[in-house]
Protein backbone atom coordinates (compact mmCIF):
# COMPACT_ATOMS: atom_id res chain seq x y z
CA MET A 1 76.51 29.28 72.53
CA LYS A 2 74.30 32.41 72.67
CA VAL A 3 72.34 31.02 69.77
CA LYS A 4 71.53 27.85 71.79
CA TYR A 5 70.13 29.95 74.62
CA TRP A 6 68.14 32.11 72.28
CA VAL A 7 66.62 29.03 70.56
CA ALA A 8 65.86 27.39 73.93
CA SER A 9 64.16 30.56 75.13
CA ALA A 10 62.10 30.87 71.93
CA LEU A 11 61.11 27.33 72.11
CA ALA A 12 60.03 27.60 75.80
CA LEU A 13 57.96 30.72 74.94
CA ALA A 14 56.25 28.90 72.06
CA CYS A 15 55.36 25.91 74.21
CA THR A 16 54.00 28.19 76.88
CA MET A 17 51.91 30.06 74.35
CA ALA A 18 50.60 26.78 72.85
CA ALA A 19 49.73 25.42 76.36
CA SER A 20 47.88 28.62 77.26
CA GLY A 21 46.09 28.49 73.90
CA VAL A 22 44.38 25.19 74.79
CA ALA A 23 41.82 26.89 77.05
CA ALA A 24 41.12 29.61 74.46
CA THR A 25 40.35 27.11 71.78
CA LEU A 26 36.91 26.60 73.33
CA ASP A 27 36.02 29.97 71.82
CA ASP A 28 37.23 28.93 68.33
CA LYS A 29 36.63 25.22 67.84
CA PRO A 30 33.55 23.21 68.70
CA THR A 31 33.64 20.59 71.37
CA ASP A 32 32.22 17.29 70.18
CA GLY A 33 29.40 16.36 72.50
CA SER A 34 28.94 13.11 70.62
CA LYS A 35 25.52 11.40 70.77
CA GLY A 36 22.84 13.50 72.56
CA SER A 37 21.89 10.61 74.87
CA ALA A 38 25.61 10.16 75.89
CA PHE A 39 26.32 13.79 76.64
CA LYS A 40 25.07 14.85 80.05
CA SER A 41 26.85 18.02 81.10
CA ALA A 42 30.09 19.94 80.97
CA VAL A 43 31.33 23.02 82.87
CA PHE A 44 33.14 25.75 80.87
CA GLU A 45 35.21 28.64 82.36
CA MET A 46 34.03 31.46 80.17
CA LYS A 47 35.52 34.94 80.06
CA GLN A 48 33.26 37.98 79.43
CA LYS A 49 32.09 37.95 75.79
CA ALA A 50 33.36 34.44 75.28
CA GLU A 51 31.59 31.70 73.32
CA VAL A 52 31.59 27.91 73.51
CA THR A 53 30.22 25.65 70.74
CA VAL A 54 29.26 22.00 71.31
CA LEU A 55 28.26 19.77 68.48
CA LEU A 56 25.65 17.20 69.37
CA THR A 57 24.36 14.25 67.31
CA CYS A 58 20.54 14.06 67.84
CA VAL A 59 17.94 11.42 66.93
CA ALA A 60 14.86 12.51 65.04
CA GLY A 61 11.65 12.77 67.01
CA ARG A 62 13.20 12.68 70.57
CA GLU A 63 12.72 15.87 72.58
CA VAL A 64 16.03 17.44 73.73
CA ILE A 65 16.20 19.85 76.66
CA VAL A 66 19.42 21.99 76.89
CA THR A 67 20.07 24.18 79.94
CA THR A 68 22.70 26.45 81.17
CA ASN A 69 23.52 27.66 84.72
CA GLY A 70 26.39 29.78 86.01
CA ASN A 71 27.93 30.32 89.44
CA LYS A 72 27.81 34.11 88.95
CA GLU A 73 25.06 36.47 87.78
CA THR A 74 26.28 37.15 84.20
CA ASP A 75 24.09 37.24 81.08
CA VAL A 76 24.40 33.95 79.37
CA ASN A 77 22.63 33.20 76.08
CA LEU A 78 21.95 29.85 74.43
CA PHE A 79 21.40 29.25 70.67
CA ILE A 80 20.72 25.93 68.92
CA HIS A 81 21.27 25.47 65.17
CA ASP A 82 20.75 22.45 62.87
CA ALA A 83 23.19 21.14 60.25
CA ASP A 84 21.81 23.62 57.74
CA LYS A 85 22.53 26.47 60.12
CA ASN A 86 18.86 27.11 60.81
CA GLU A 87 18.04 28.34 64.32
CA VAL A 88 15.87 25.70 66.09
CA GLY A 89 15.80 27.41 69.44
CA LYS A 90 17.21 30.16 71.66
CA ASP A 91 17.12 31.66 75.11
CA THR A 92 18.38 35.21 75.38
CA SER A 93 16.67 35.95 78.70
CA PRO A 94 18.84 37.87 81.26
CA GLY A 95 20.82 35.91 83.79
CA PRO A 96 22.99 32.75 83.79
CA LYS A 97 19.99 30.28 83.43
CA CYS A 98 18.83 29.25 79.99
CA GLU A 99 16.50 26.48 78.75
CA VAL A 100 15.74 25.43 75.22
CA LYS A 101 13.45 22.50 74.34
CA PHE A 102 13.29 21.17 70.80
CA THR A 103 12.51 18.01 68.88
CA PRO A 104 14.81 17.34 65.97
CA LYS A 105 12.88 16.69 62.70
CA THR A 106 15.85 14.87 61.25
CA GLU A 107 18.76 12.93 62.66
CA GLY A 108 21.91 14.86 62.53
CA THR A 109 24.40 17.14 64.13
CA TYR A 110 23.19 20.20 66.03
CA LYS A 111 25.35 23.13 67.18
CA LEU A 112 24.81 24.39 70.79
CA LEU A 113 26.28 27.86 71.16
CA VAL A 114 26.70 29.39 74.60
CA LYS A 115 27.63 33.06 74.99
CA ASN A 116 28.68 34.76 78.16
CA LYS A 117 27.87 38.50 77.67
CA GLY A 118 29.07 39.32 81.18
CA PRO A 119 29.71 41.40 83.10
CA GLY A 120 32.78 39.39 84.03
CA PRO A 121 33.66 35.73 83.78
CA ASN A 122 31.54 32.83 84.73
CA ASN A 123 31.69 29.03 85.22
CA VAL A 124 28.74 27.90 82.99
CA THR A 125 27.32 24.41 83.18
CA LEU A 126 25.81 23.21 79.93
CA ALA A 127 23.41 20.21 80.48
CA VAL A 128 21.54 18.11 77.92
CA LYS A 129 18.70 15.80 78.63
CA VAL A 130 17.11 13.57 75.91
CA ALA A 131 13.66 12.16 76.27
CA GLU A 132 13.66 8.28 76.13
């Protein structure tokens, strides 16, 4: 009987850990933003020194504008890399607002990397606008 309670407690703890780990996966696994023209914006709750990665499929020759904004005055940085891991743009200016404009040379998947350097947590809005 004691074994059943121990197993049930361990299982409950494992489920709780798995559920709390869902929010933390934003730091580890990229979010699929899908087609650039379909992705408009998303808000991420970011702890200090946290990172969020969004994968975005872009069409060649159409300008893309990526922005961030936070509800608190933390230092947010934005980096954009192509499929070959080449940096195509970045904004490391102080504050929560970032803007990067780029025109993809080739169609493919681009990685948008947002970093909250702090101090403290921030709710960061990542927005993408594609020229038509």
